[in-house]
Amino acid sequence: MIKAESVWNDVVKIRETPPLVHNITNFVVMNNTANALLAIGASPVMAHAEEEAADMASLAGALVINIGTLNPQWIRGMEIAMDKARERRIPIVFDPVGAGATPYRSQTCRDLLSAYPPDIIRGNASEIGALVSDAVMTRGVDSTLSSDSAADSARRLSGLYGCVVSLSGSTDYIVKDGNQILIFNGHPLMPKVTGLGCTATALTGAFAAVNADYTAAAAHAMAVMGIAGEIAASTTKGPGSFQSDFLDALYNLREQDVRELLKAG
């Protein structure tokens, strides 16, 4: 169970610090995730070249790895950055975008996770399921499963890599060491906007940069995502305006919003 006060304390820390979040992420979402990090108060940097991956990870408060648009050069940059992040003991947040869609994508995830176990894995139900079973398939990058049906997979994955698993869906599950936190915030419009899952991963990096309890950090990030989504949906006309309304909701988020809207268990 998380408390509104704890969620808000992390938001304040992000706004006051602000942490530098190094993202090796995909072409589709770079603008979205950078703007979301700025809106919550963090400082984003998008750097994937292997020639600077270690240097950038040396400056960051957290590393976010997102495999959405894979190529061999980016994978090498991910390896270098993850190795440096583990050396520095800064949090690594890993998003297995589209795991289960192709053997190349699934194997890349498993290779990276085995070599450089992250602190947090954040994904949808199909992605989380595909990391523990070859029988689970993903439709492109979209989930074919509900988060409720993948909760057992999340627990297995957490045990396999000794990390927090943040499973997103209509209910978000944050699991570690047999314990779980449920977040019930969010809105049905959110899956209609590309990149919001990746945004959740980036925000998780910001929260992990200011809170060494990575289970709490992951839960706080998903709570803020869901609350901002609900606020945005109350004024939006559709998916297009939702994107800008969501950024405004993050930027203008107040302690009162968190206290009134947080739904967790």
C-alpha atoms as a PDB file:
ATOM      1  CA  MET A   1       0.000   0.000   0.000  1.00  0.00           C
ATOM      2  CA  ILE A   2       1.338   3.448  -0.849  1.00  0.00           C
ATOM      3  CA  LYS A   3       0.332   6.766   0.654  1.00  0.00           C
ATOM      4  CA  ALA A   4      -0.398  10.058  -1.072  1.00  0.00           C
ATOM      5  CA  GLU A   5       2.154  11.808   1.134  1.00  0.00           C
ATOM      6  CA  SER A   6       4.942   9.494  -0.044  1.00  0.00           C
ATOM      7  CA  VAL A   7       3.991   9.916  -3.695  1.00  0.00           C
ATOM      8  CA  TRP A   8       3.989  13.689  -3.333  1.00  0.00           C
ATOM      9  CA  ASN A   9       7.327  13.708  -1.482  1.00  0.00           C
ATOM     10  CA  ASP A  10       8.932  12.051  -4.503  1.00  0.00           C
ATOM     11  CA  VAL A  11       7.348  14.575  -6.875  1.00  0.00           C
ATOM     12  CA  VAL A  12       8.805  17.390  -4.772  1.00  0.00           C
ATOM     13  CA  LYS A  13      12.245  15.748  -4.791  1.00  0.00           C
ATOM     14  CA  ILE A  14      12.153  15.456  -8.591  1.00  0.00           C
ATOM     15  CA  ARG A  15      11.154  19.094  -8.962  1.00  0.00           C
ATOM     16  CA  GLU A  16      13.792  20.299  -6.534  1.00  0.00           C
ATOM     17  CA  THR A  17      16.745  18.194  -7.725  1.00  0.00           C
ATOM     18  CA  PRO A  18      16.126  17.708 -10.767  1.00  0.00           C
ATOM     19  CA  PRO A  19      17.584  14.276 -11.680  1.00  0.00           C
ATOM     20  CA  LEU A  20      19.223  13.693 -15.054  1.00  0.00           C
ATOM     21  CA  VAL A  21      17.570  10.663 -16.683  1.00  0.00           C
ATOM     22  CA  HIS A  22      19.614   9.041 -19.461  1.00  0.00           C
ATOM     23  CA  ASN A  23      17.287   7.448 -22.006  1.00  0.00           C
ATOM     24  CA  ILE A  24      18.245   5.000 -24.713  1.00  0.00           C
ATOM     25  CA  THR A  25      14.790   4.813 -26.181  1.00  0.00           C
ATOM     26  CA  ASN A  26      12.996   4.466 -29.495  1.00  0.00           C
ATOM     27  CA  PHE A  27      12.484   6.918 -32.341  1.00  0.00           C
ATOM     28  CA  VAL A  28       8.703   6.903 -31.920  1.00  0.00           C
ATOM     29  CA  VAL A  29       8.613   8.273 -28.378  1.00  0.00           C
ATOM     30  CA  MET A  30      11.709  10.423 -27.840  1.00  0.00           C
ATOM     31  CA  ASN A  31       9.808  13.709 -27.988  1.00  0.00           C
ATOM     32  CA  ASN A  32       6.943  12.389 -25.843  1.00  0.00           C
ATOM     33  CA  THR A  33       9.105  10.981 -23.084  1.00  0.00           C
ATOM     34  CA  ALA A  34      11.483  13.934 -22.991  1.00  0.00           C
ATOM     35  CA  ASN A  35       8.555  16.335 -22.622  1.00  0.00           C
ATOM     36  CA  ALA A  36       6.972  14.193 -19.900  1.00  0.00           C
ATOM     37  CA  LEU A  37      10.212  14.149 -17.927  1.00  0.00           C
ATOM     38  CA  LEU A  38      10.485  17.919 -18.260  1.00  0.00           C
ATOM     39  CA  ALA A  39       6.856  18.325 -17.203  1.00  0.00           C
ATOM     40  CA  ILE A  40       7.310  16.341 -13.991  1.00  0.00           C
ATOM     41  CA  GLY A  41      10.487  18.294 -13.236  1.00  0.00           C
ATOM     42  CA  ALA A  42      13.280  15.925 -14.318  1.00  0.00           C
ATOM     43  CA  SER A  43      16.055  16.571 -16.834  1.00  0.00           C
ATOM     44  CA  PRO A  44      16.019  14.200 -19.840  1.00  0.00           C
ATOM     45  CA  VAL A  45      18.839  13.277 -22.173  1.00  0.00           C
ATOM     46  CA  MET A  46      18.457  10.984 -25.192  1.00  0.00           C
ATOM     47  CA  ALA A  47      21.853   9.483 -26.062  1.00  0.00           C
ATOM     48  CA  HIS A  48      22.273   6.100 -27.724  1.00  0.00           C
ATOM     49  CA  ALA A  49      25.616   6.200 -29.566  1.00  0.00           C
ATOM     50  CA  GLU A  50      28.034   3.672 -28.123  1.00  0.00           C
ATOM     51  CA  GLU A  51      30.827   6.253 -28.293  1.00  0.00           C
ATOM     52  CA  GLU A  52      29.175   8.359 -25.560  1.00  0.00           C
ATOM     53  CA  ALA A  53      26.971   5.835 -23.747  1.00  0.00           C
ATOM     54  CA  ALA A  54      29.354   5.326 -20.824  1.00  0.00           C
ATOM     55  CA  ASP A  55      30.086   9.030 -20.442  1.00  0.00           C
ATOM     56  CA  MET A  56      26.408   9.939 -20.374  1.00  0.00           C
ATOM     57  CA  ALA A  57      25.571   7.168 -17.925  1.00  0.00           C
ATOM     58  CA  SER A  58      28.362   8.536 -15.733  1.00  0.00           C
ATOM     59  CA  LEU A  59      26.452  11.813 -15.398  1.00  0.00           C
ATOM     60  CA  ALA A  60      22.945  10.435 -14.899  1.00  0.00           C
ATOM     61  CA  GLY A  61      20.847   9.748 -11.835  1.00  0.00           C
ATOM     62  CA  ALA A  62      19.033   6.912 -13.615  1.00  0.00           C
ATOM     63  CA  LEU A  63      19.280   4.951 -16.868  1.00  0.00           C
ATOM     64  CA  VAL A  64      16.193   4.038 -18.907  1.00  0.00           C
ATOM     65  CA  ILE A  65      16.564   1.334 -21.571  1.00  0.00           C
ATOM     66  CA  ASN A  66      13.740   0.971 -24.103  1.00  0.00           C
ATOM     67  CA  ILE A  67      14.165  -1.517 -26.973  1.00  0.00           C
ATOM     68  CA  GLY A  68      11.347  -0.168 -29.151  1.00  0.00           C
ATOM     69  CA  THR A  69      13.381   0.444 -32.326  1.00  0.00           C
ATOM     70  CA  LEU A  70      16.206  -2.065 -32.196  1.00  0.00           C
ATOM     71  CA  ASN A  71      19.386  -2.211 -34.210  1.00  0.00           C
ATOM     72  CA  PRO A  72      22.794  -3.736 -33.432  1.00  0.00           C
ATOM     73  CA  GLN A  73      24.469  -0.360 -32.852  1.00  0.00           C
ATOM     74  CA  TRP A  74      21.849   0.681 -30.302  1.00  0.00           C
ATOM     75  CA  ILE A  75      22.139  -2.663 -28.540  1.00  0.00           C
ATOM     76  CA  ARG A  76      25.868  -2.088 -28.120  1.00  0.00           C
ATOM     77  CA  GLY A  77      25.133   1.347 -26.670  1.00  0.00           C
ATOM     78  CA  MET A  78      22.665  -0.239 -24.258  1.00  0.00           C
ATOM     79  CA  GLU A  79      25.249  -2.776 -23.119  1.00  0.00           C
ATOM     80  CA  ILE A  80      27.856  -0.093 -22.473  1.00  0.00           C
ATOM     81  CA  ALA A  81      25.432   2.196 -20.647  1.00  0.00           C
ATOM     82  CA  MET A  82      23.993  -0.616 -18.523  1.00  0.00           C
ATOM     83  CA  ASP A  83      27.482  -1.784 -17.575  1.00  0.00           C
ATOM     84  CA  LYS A  84      28.436   1.742 -16.480  1.00  0.00           C
ATOM     85  CA  ALA A  85      25.163   2.210 -14.586  1.00  0.00           C
ATOM     86  CA  ARG A  86      25.740  -1.014 -12.660  1.00  0.00           C
ATOM     87  CA  GLU A  87      29.302   0.091 -11.891  1.00  0.00           C
ATOM     88  CA  ARG A  88      27.984   3.394 -10.532  1.00  0.00           C
ATOM     89  CA  ARG A  89      25.012   1.723  -8.814  1.00  0.00           C
ATOM     90  CA  ILE A  90      22.435   4.031 -10.333  1.00  0.00           C
ATOM     91  CA  PRO A  91      18.992   2.561 -11.080  1.00  0.00           C
ATOM     92  CA  ILE A  92      18.370   0.865 -14.417  1.00  0.00           C
ATOM     93  CA  VAL A  93      14.786   0.759 -15.698  1.00  0.00           C
ATOM     94  CA  PHE A  94      14.200  -1.644 -18.599  1.00  0.00           C
ATOM     95  CA  ASP A  95      11.247  -1.581 -21.007  1.00  0.00           C
ATOM     96  CA  PRO A  96      10.963  -4.761 -23.152  1.00  0.00           C
ATOM     97  CA  VAL A  97       8.857  -3.088 -25.863  1.00  0.00           C
ATOM     98  CA  GLY A  98       7.304  -5.695 -28.143  1.00  0.00           C
ATOM     99  CA  ALA A  99       8.955  -8.678 -26.446  1.00  0.00           C
ATOM    100  CA  GLY A 100       7.296 -11.761 -27.873  1.00  0.00           C
ATOM    101  CA  ALA A 101       6.674 -10.213 -31.300  1.00  0.00           C
ATOM    102  CA  THR A 102       9.866 -11.589 -32.887  1.00  0.00           C
ATOM    103  CA  PRO A 103      12.610 -13.983 -31.757  1.00  0.00           C
ATOM    104  CA  TYR A 104      15.229 -11.222 -32.243  1.00  0.00           C
ATOM    105  CA  ARG A 105      13.385  -8.864 -29.924  1.00  0.00           C
ATOM    106  CA  SER A 106      12.773 -11.486 -27.248  1.00  0.00           C
ATOM    107  CA  GLN A 107      16.335 -12.797 -27.333  1.00  0.00           C
ATOM    108  CA  THR A 108      17.788  -9.287 -27.139  1.00  0.00           C
ATOM    109  CA  CYS A 109      15.765  -8.682 -23.981  1.00  0.00           C
ATOM    110  CA  ARG A 110      16.908 -11.904 -22.392  1.00  0.00           C
ATOM    111  CA  ASP A 111      20.552 -11.294 -23.288  1.00  0.00           C
ATOM    112  CA  LEU A 112      20.526  -7.783 -21.818  1.00  0.00           C
ATOM    113  CA  LEU A 113      18.611  -8.796 -18.706  1.00  0.00           C
ATOM    114  CA  SER A 114      20.920 -11.739 -18.010  1.00  0.00           C
ATOM    115  CA  ALA A 115      24.107  -9.752 -18.503  1.00  0.00           C
ATOM    116  CA  TYR A 116      22.994  -6.549 -16.757  1.00  0.00           C
ATOM    117  CA  PRO A 117      20.045  -7.279 -14.427  1.00  0.00           C
ATOM    118  CA  PRO A 118      18.046  -4.046 -14.034  1.00  0.00           C
ATOM    119  CA  ASP A 119      16.452  -2.672 -10.912  1.00  0.00           C
ATOM    120  CA  ILE A 120      13.009  -2.284 -12.487  1.00  0.00           C
ATOM    121  CA  ILE A 121      11.365  -3.915 -15.505  1.00  0.00           C
ATOM    122  CA  ARG A 122       8.265  -2.094 -16.746  1.00  0.00           C
ATOM    123  CA  GLY A 123       6.041  -3.485 -19.463  1.00  0.00           C
ATOM    124  CA  ASN A 124       2.562  -4.517 -20.508  1.00  0.00           C
ATOM    125  CA  ALA A 125       1.082  -7.939 -19.888  1.00  0.00           C
ATOM    126  CA  SER A 126       2.205  -9.583 -23.136  1.00  0.00           C
ATOM    127  CA  GLU A 127       5.732  -8.212 -22.841  1.00  0.00           C
ATOM    128  CA  ILE A 128       6.105  -9.393 -19.263  1.00  0.00           C
ATOM    129  CA  GLY A 129       4.645 -12.779 -20.143  1.00  0.00           C
ATOM    130  CA  ALA A 130       6.949 -13.199 -23.144  1.00  0.00           C
ATOM    131  CA  LEU A 131      10.025 -12.752 -20.972  1.00  0.00           C
ATOM    132  CA  VAL A 132       9.162 -15.865 -18.984  1.00  0.00           C
ATOM    133  CA  SER A 133       7.422 -17.984 -21.647  1.00  0.00           C
ATOM    134  CA  ASP A 134       7.962 -18.465 -25.390  1.00  0.00           C
ATOM    135  CA  ALA A 135       4.268 -19.328 -25.652  1.00  0.00           C
ATOM    136  CA  VAL A 136       3.222 -15.702 -25.087  1.00  0.00           C
ATOM    137  CA  MET A 137       3.041 -13.622 -28.261  1.00  0.00           C
ATOM    138  CA  THR A 138       2.728  -9.860 -28.700  1.00  0.00           C
ATOM    139  CA  ARG A 139       0.781  -8.145 -31.503  1.00  0.00           C
ATOM    140  CA  GLY A 140       3.406  -5.648 -32.618  1.00  0.00           C
ATOM    141  CA  VAL A 141       3.968  -3.669 -29.429  1.00  0.00           C
ATOM    142  CA  ASP A 142       0.384  -4.024 -28.155  1.00  0.00           C
ATOM    143  CA  SER A 143      -0.598  -6.330 -25.347  1.00  0.00           C
ATOM    144  CA  THR A 144      -2.848  -9.285 -26.108  1.00  0.00           C
ATOM    145  CA  LEU A 145      -3.335 -10.032 -22.402  1.00  0.00           C
ATOM    146  CA  SER A 146      -4.805  -8.225 -19.407  1.00  0.00           C
ATOM    147  CA  SER A 147      -2.570  -7.194 -16.539  1.00  0.00           C
ATOM    148  CA  ASP A 148      -4.590  -9.406 -14.180  1.00  0.00           C
ATOM    149  CA  SER A 149      -3.774 -12.488 -16.274  1.00  0.00           C
ATOM    150  CA  ALA A 150      -0.042 -11.692 -16.265  1.00  0.00           C
ATOM    151  CA  ALA A 151       0.396 -11.094 -12.527  1.00  0.00           C
ATOM    152  CA  ASP A 152       1.913 -14.551 -12.007  1.00  0.00           C
ATOM    153  CA  SER A 153       4.349 -13.917 -14.859  1.00  0.00           C
ATOM    154  CA  ALA A 154       5.369 -10.654 -13.213  1.00  0.00           C
ATOM    155  CA  ARG A 155       6.124 -12.466  -9.966  1.00  0.00           C
ATOM    156  CA  ARG A 156       8.153 -15.122 -11.816  1.00  0.00           C
ATOM    157  CA  LEU A 157      10.086 -12.462 -13.704  1.00  0.00           C
ATOM    158  CA  SER A 158      10.829 -10.583 -10.501  1.00  0.00           C
ATOM    159  CA  GLY A 159      12.255 -13.734  -8.951  1.00  0.00           C
ATOM    160  CA  LEU A 160      14.265 -14.570 -12.057  1.00  0.00           C
ATOM    161  CA  TYR A 161      16.163 -11.274 -12.131  1.00  0.00           C
ATOM    162  CA  GLY A 162      15.797 -10.148  -8.522  1.00  0.00           C
ATOM    163  CA  CYS A 163      14.183  -6.885  -9.561  1.00  0.00           C
ATOM    164  CA  VAL A 164      10.961  -4.936  -9.263  1.00  0.00           C
ATOM    165  CA  VAL A 165       8.464  -5.636 -12.042  1.00  0.00           C
ATOM    166  CA  SER A 166       5.988  -2.904 -12.928  1.00  0.00           C
ATOM    167  CA  LEU A 167       3.158  -4.432 -14.948  1.00  0.00           C
ATOM    168  CA  SER A 168       0.887  -1.854 -16.563  1.00  0.00           C
ATOM    169  CA  GLY A 169      -2.736  -2.275 -17.582  1.00  0.00           C
ATOM    170  CA  SER A 170      -6.210  -1.367 -16.398  1.00  0.00           C
ATOM    171  CA  THR A 171      -4.760  -2.295 -13.003  1.00  0.00           C
ATOM    172  CA  ASP A 172      -1.024  -1.758 -12.524  1.00  0.00           C
ATOM    173  CA  TYR A 173       0.861  -4.407 -10.551  1.00  0.00           C
ATOM    174  CA  ILE A 174       4.185  -3.593  -8.910  1.00  0.00           C
ATOM    175  CA  VAL A 175       5.766  -6.778  -7.553  1.00  0.00           C
ATOM    176  CA  LYS A 176       8.962  -7.727  -5.715  1.00  0.00           C
ATOM    177  CA  ASP A 177       9.885 -10.525  -3.287  1.00  0.00           C
ATOM    178  CA  GLY A 178       6.370 -11.934  -3.198  1.00  0.00           C
ATOM    179  CA  ASN A 179       4.818  -8.578  -2.328  1.00  0.00           C
ATOM    180  CA  GLN A 180       2.685  -6.466  -4.611  1.00  0.00           C
ATOM    181  CA  ILE A 181       1.177  -3.004  -4.856  1.00  0.00           C
ATOM    182  CA  LEU A 182      -1.861  -2.374  -7.017  1.00  0.00           C
ATOM    183  CA  ILE A 183      -2.565   0.963  -8.695  1.00  0.00           C
ATOM    184  CA  PHE A 184      -6.101   1.528  -9.951  1.00  0.00           C
ATOM    185  CA  ASN A 185      -5.609   4.989 -11.472  1.00  0.00           C
ATOM    186  CA  GLY A 186      -5.730   5.680 -15.197  1.00  0.00           C
ATOM    187  CA  HIS A 187      -8.199   6.181 -18.037  1.00  0.00           C
ATOM    188  CA  PRO A 188      -9.267   4.158 -21.125  1.00  0.00           C
ATOM    189  CA  LEU A 189      -7.939   6.906 -23.424  1.00  0.00           C
ATOM    190  CA  MET A 190      -4.367   6.269 -22.338  1.00  0.00           C
ATOM    191  CA  PRO A 191      -3.787   3.150 -24.507  1.00  0.00           C
ATOM    192  CA  LYS A 192      -5.071   5.148 -27.503  1.00  0.00           C
ATOM    193  CA  VAL A 193      -2.029   7.432 -27.436  1.00  0.00           C
ATOM    194  CA  THR A 194       1.251   6.002 -28.673  1.00  0.00           C
ATOM    195  CA  GLY A 195       4.170   6.183 -26.303  1.00  0.00           C
ATOM    196  CA  LEU A 196       2.361   6.485 -22.985  1.00  0.00           C
ATOM    197  CA  GLY A 197       3.710   3.125 -21.851  1.00  0.00           C
ATOM    198  CA  CYS A 198       7.207   4.329 -22.720  1.00  0.00           C
ATOM    199  CA  THR A 199       6.423   7.555 -20.865  1.00  0.00           C
ATOM    200  CA  ALA A 200       5.597   5.485 -17.781  1.00  0.00           C
ATOM    201  CA  THR A 201       9.011   3.843 -18.058  1.00  0.00           C
ATOM    202  CA  ALA A 202      10.794   7.197 -18.362  1.00  0.00           C
ATOM    203  CA  LEU A 203       8.915   8.608 -15.371  1.00  0.00           C
ATOM    204  CA  THR A 204       9.797   5.481 -13.420  1.00  0.00           C
ATOM    205  CA  GLY A 205      13.435   6.365 -14.058  1.00  0.00           C
ATOM    206  CA  ALA A 206      12.903   9.832 -12.591  1.00  0.00           C
ATOM    207  CA  PHE A 207      11.231   8.450  -9.467  1.00  0.00           C
ATOM    208  CA  ALA A 208      13.913   5.783  -9.029  1.00  0.00           C
ATOM    209  CA  ALA A 209      16.560   8.515  -9.219  1.00  0.00           C
ATOM    210  CA  VAL A 210      15.155  10.142  -6.067  1.00  0.00           C
ATOM    211  CA  ASN A 211      13.889   7.098  -4.150  1.00  0.00           C
ATOM    212  CA  ALA A 212      16.198   4.149  -3.453  1.00  0.00           C
ATOM    213  CA  ASP A 213      13.182   1.994  -2.539  1.00  0.00           C
ATOM    214  CA  TYR A 214      12.571   0.926  -6.128  1.00  0.00           C
ATOM    215  CA  THR A 215       9.291  -0.811  -5.359  1.00  0.00           C
ATOM    216  CA  ALA A 216       7.905   2.433  -3.971  1.00  0.00           C
ATOM    217  CA  ALA A 217       9.476   4.461  -6.783  1.00  0.00           C
ATOM    218  CA  ALA A 218       7.826   2.286  -9.448  1.00  0.00           C
ATOM    219  CA  ALA A 219       4.469   2.454  -7.682  1.00  0.00           C
ATOM    220  CA  HIS A 220       4.681   6.223  -7.247  1.00  0.00           C
ATOM    221  CA  ALA A 221       5.494   6.682 -10.936  1.00  0.00           C
ATOM    222  CA  MET A 222       2.516   4.600 -12.059  1.00  0.00           C
ATOM    223  CA  ALA A 223       0.225   6.416  -9.620  1.00  0.00           C
ATOM    224  CA  VAL A 224       1.289   9.801 -10.993  1.00  0.00           C
ATOM    225  CA  MET A 225       0.844   8.523 -14.569  1.00  0.00           C
ATOM    226  CA  GLY A 226      -2.670   7.358 -13.801  1.00  0.00           C
ATOM    227  CA  ILE A 227      -3.670  10.472 -11.898  1.00  0.00           C
ATOM    228  CA  ALA A 228      -2.364  12.743 -14.665  1.00  0.00           C
ATOM    229  CA  GLY A 229      -4.265  10.621 -17.184  1.00  0.00           C
ATOM    230  CA  GLU A 230      -7.502  11.044 -15.255  1.00  0.00           C
ATOM    231  CA  ILE A 231      -7.024  14.795 -14.987  1.00  0.00           C
ATOM    232  CA  ALA A 232      -6.236  15.067 -18.696  1.00  0.00           C
ATOM    233  CA  ALA A 233      -9.246  12.964 -19.660  1.00  0.00           C
ATOM    234  CA  SER A 234     -11.568  15.295 -17.764  1.00  0.00           C
ATOM    235  CA  THR A 235     -10.862  18.110 -20.251  1.00  0.00           C
ATOM    236  CA  THR A 236      -9.753  16.405 -23.455  1.00  0.00           C
ATOM    237  CA  LYS A 237     -11.683  15.939 -26.701  1.00  0.00           C
ATOM    238  CA  GLY A 238      -9.792  12.893 -27.927  1.00  0.00           C
ATOM    239  CA  PRO A 239      -6.362  11.254 -28.308  1.00  0.00           C
ATOM    240  CA  GLY A 240      -4.773  14.253 -30.041  1.00  0.00           C
ATOM    241  CA  SER A 241      -5.532  16.815 -27.380  1.00  0.00           C
ATOM    242  CA  PHE A 242      -5.017  14.198 -24.676  1.00  0.00           C
ATOM    243  CA  GLN A 243      -1.260  14.256 -25.307  1.00  0.00           C
ATOM    244  CA  SER A 244      -0.938  17.955 -24.557  1.00  0.00           C
ATOM    245  CA  ASP A 245      -3.484  17.818 -21.728  1.00  0.00           C
ATOM    246  CA  PHE A 246      -1.504  14.978 -20.150  1.00  0.00           C
ATOM    247  CA  LEU A 247       1.713  17.019 -20.184  1.00  0.00           C
ATOM    248  CA  ASP A 248      -0.140  19.964 -18.664  1.00  0.00           C
ATOM    249  CA  ALA A 249      -1.545  17.677 -15.952  1.00  0.00           C
ATOM    250  CA  LEU A 250       1.948  16.457 -15.063  1.00  0.00           C
ATOM    251  CA  TYR A 251       3.320  19.985 -14.976  1.00  0.00           C
ATOM    252  CA  ASN A 252       0.458  21.375 -12.884  1.00  0.00           C
ATOM    253  CA  LEU A 253       0.100  18.372 -10.570  1.00  0.00           C
ATOM    254  CA  ARG A 254      -0.681  19.408  -6.989  1.00  0.00           C
ATOM    255  CA  GLU A 255      -0.512  17.597  -3.691  1.00  0.00           C
ATOM    256  CA  GLN A 256      -4.292  17.941  -3.441  1.00  0.00           C
ATOM    257  CA  ASP A 257      -4.696  16.054  -6.727  1.00  0.00           C
ATOM    258  CA  VAL A 258      -2.666  13.146  -5.407  1.00  0.00           C
ATOM    259  CA  ARG A 259      -4.524  13.067  -2.091  1.00  0.00           C
ATOM    260  CA  GLU A 260      -7.948  13.194  -3.729  1.00  0.00           C
ATOM    261  CA  LEU A 261      -7.378  10.874  -6.703  1.00  0.00           C
ATOM    262  CA  LEU A 262      -4.889   8.213  -5.594  1.00  0.00           C
ATOM    263  CA  LYS A 263      -6.400   4.721  -5.747  1.00  0.00           C
ATOM    264  CA  ALA A 264      -4.014   2.020  -4.593  1.00  0.00           C
ATOM    265  CA  GLY A 265      -4.081  -1.239  -2.744  1.00  0.00           C
END
